């Protein structure tokens, strides 16, 4: 139970502990989803568009949490279409286009490459 309390605190969800998920905002639902994933204490955390539809402040909270987890040694794989999210979170980027890997490298290399410009033109 201590682990649940730690996760609720880390995700700022203490006051929603008895709320029904369907009544929560998108940002709160996203935090609950991340919390559920963390309960299993996975060595690799998979996230699909972790900040999709979230407001600025909640997005910053998610970035902070994921960066803290990464610094603690957690491997985080995530999908994103948002360049600012990639810049804030990624230490390595793999870009798939039409089912093919077209880039695999560092964020700095990707954002300086023609691939980035072509995909977002």
Protein backbone atom coordinates (compact mmCIF):
# COMPACT_ATOMS: atom_id res chain seq x y z
CA UNK A 1 0.00 0.00 0.00
CA UNK A 2 2.95 2.32 0.58
CA UNK A 3 3.81 2.03 -3.11
CA UNK A 4 0.28 3.19 -4.03
CA UNK A 5 0.63 6.19 -1.71
CA UNK A 6 4.02 7.06 -3.22
CA UNK A 7 2.59 6.96 -6.74
CA UNK A 8 -0.49 8.99 -5.80
CA UNK A 9 1.78 11.61 -4.23
CA UNK A 10 4.26 11.67 -7.12
CA UNK A 11 1.43 12.14 -9.63
CA UNK A 12 -0.48 14.59 -7.41
CA UNK A 13 -3.54 12.33 -7.38
CA UNK A 14 -4.17 12.01 -3.62
CA UNK A 15 -7.43 13.97 -3.68
CA UNK A 16 -8.76 11.80 -6.52
CA UNK A 17 -8.07 8.42 -4.92
CA UNK A 18 -11.79 7.52 -4.65
CA UNK A 19 -12.94 9.20 -7.86
CA UNK A 20 -14.29 7.18 -10.76
CA UNK A 21 -11.87 7.36 -13.67
CA UNK A 22 -14.62 8.21 -16.19
CA UNK A 23 -15.36 11.43 -14.26
CA UNK A 24 -11.77 12.70 -14.47
CA UNK A 25 -10.33 15.18 -16.97
CA UNK A 26 -8.08 13.96 -19.77
CA UNK A 27 -4.98 15.12 -17.89
CA UNK A 28 -6.00 13.28 -14.73
CA UNK A 29 -6.82 10.15 -16.72
CA UNK A 30 -3.37 10.33 -18.29
CA UNK A 31 -1.77 10.56 -14.85
CA UNK A 32 -3.87 7.63 -13.61
CA UNK A 33 -2.75 5.57 -16.62
CA UNK A 34 0.90 6.31 -15.89
CA UNK A 35 0.33 5.48 -12.22
CA UNK A 36 -1.25 2.14 -13.10
CA UNK A 37 1.74 1.30 -15.26
CA UNK A 38 4.12 2.26 -12.44
CA UNK A 39 2.41 -0.05 -9.93
CA UNK A 40 3.98 -3.06 -11.65
CA UNK A 41 7.41 -1.39 -11.34
CA UNK A 42 8.33 -2.29 -14.93
CA UNK A 43 11.92 -2.08 -16.11
CA UNK A 44 10.60 -0.58 -19.36
CA UNK A 45 7.69 1.86 -19.47
CA UNK A 46 5.80 2.09 -22.79
CA UNK A 47 3.77 5.25 -23.40
CA UNK A 48 1.70 6.25 -26.41
CA UNK A 49 1.59 10.03 -26.86
CA UNK A 50 1.99 10.66 -23.10
CA UNK A 51 0.98 14.35 -23.23
CA UNK A 52 -1.62 14.25 -25.98
CA UNK A 53 -4.44 16.68 -25.22
CA UNK A 54 -2.94 17.89 -21.95
CA UNK A 55 -2.71 21.51 -20.85
CA UNK A 56 0.67 23.22 -20.52
CA UNK A 57 1.05 22.76 -16.76
CA UNK A 58 0.08 19.07 -16.79
CA UNK A 59 2.44 18.50 -19.72
CA UNK A 60 5.29 20.03 -17.70
CA UNK A 61 4.41 17.79 -14.75
CA UNK A 62 4.51 14.70 -16.98
CA UNK A 63 7.87 15.81 -18.45
CA UNK A 64 9.26 16.28 -14.93
CA UNK A 65 8.01 12.87 -13.81
CA UNK A 66 9.36 11.04 -16.87
CA UNK A 67 12.73 12.80 -16.64
CA UNK A 68 12.95 11.87 -12.95
CA UNK A 69 12.14 8.26 -13.76
CA UNK A 70 14.75 8.20 -16.52
CA UNK A 71 17.37 9.69 -14.19
CA UNK A 72 16.55 6.88 -11.74
CA UNK A 73 17.40 4.31 -14.42
CA UNK A 74 13.96 3.56 -15.87
CA UNK A 75 13.83 2.89 -19.61
CA UNK A 76 10.97 4.81 -21.22
CA UNK A 77 9.78 4.18 -24.77
CA UNK A 78 7.21 6.61 -26.10
CA UNK A 79 5.54 7.58 -29.32
CA UNK A 80 5.09 11.22 -30.22
CA UNK A 81 4.30 13.50 -33.13
CA UNK A 82 5.30 16.57 -31.14
CA UNK A 83 8.84 17.90 -31.72
CA UNK A 84 8.85 19.80 -28.40
CA UNK A 85 8.02 16.60 -26.54
CA UNK A 86 10.83 14.74 -28.29
CA UNK A 87 13.27 17.54 -27.42
CA UNK A 88 12.20 17.48 -23.76
CA UNK A 89 12.21 13.73 -23.21
CA UNK A 90 14.21 11.74 -25.74
CA UNK A 91 17.81 10.63 -25.42
CA UNK A 92 17.53 8.56 -28.60
CA UNK A 93 15.08 8.78 -31.50
CA UNK A 94 13.87 6.15 -33.91
CA UNK A 95 11.63 7.42 -36.70
CA UNK A 96 9.33 5.07 -38.56
CA UNK A 97 7.80 6.10 -41.87
CA UNK A 98 5.53 3.76 -43.80
CA UNK A 99 6.75 0.86 -41.69
CA UNK A 100 10.45 1.52 -42.27
CA UNK A 101 13.07 2.90 -39.89
CA UNK A 102 14.29 6.08 -41.57
CA UNK A 103 16.29 7.49 -38.66
CA UNK A 104 17.92 6.06 -35.54
CA UNK A 105 20.12 8.39 -33.51
CA UNK A 106 20.42 11.33 -31.16
CA UNK A 107 17.77 14.07 -30.93
CA UNK A 108 20.30 16.75 -31.93
CA UNK A 109 21.17 14.82 -35.09
CA UNK A 110 17.52 14.34 -35.97
CA UNK A 111 16.53 17.99 -35.58
CA UNK A 112 19.50 19.09 -37.68
CA UNK A 113 18.75 16.56 -40.42
CA UNK A 114 16.76 16.91 -43.61
CA UNK A 115 14.51 14.07 -42.45
CA UNK A 116 12.92 16.27 -39.79
CA UNK A 117 12.30 19.08 -42.28
CA UNK A 118 10.83 16.69 -44.87
CA UNK A 119 8.45 14.99 -42.43
CA UNK A 120 7.12 18.23 -40.96
CA UNK A 121 7.08 20.33 -44.14
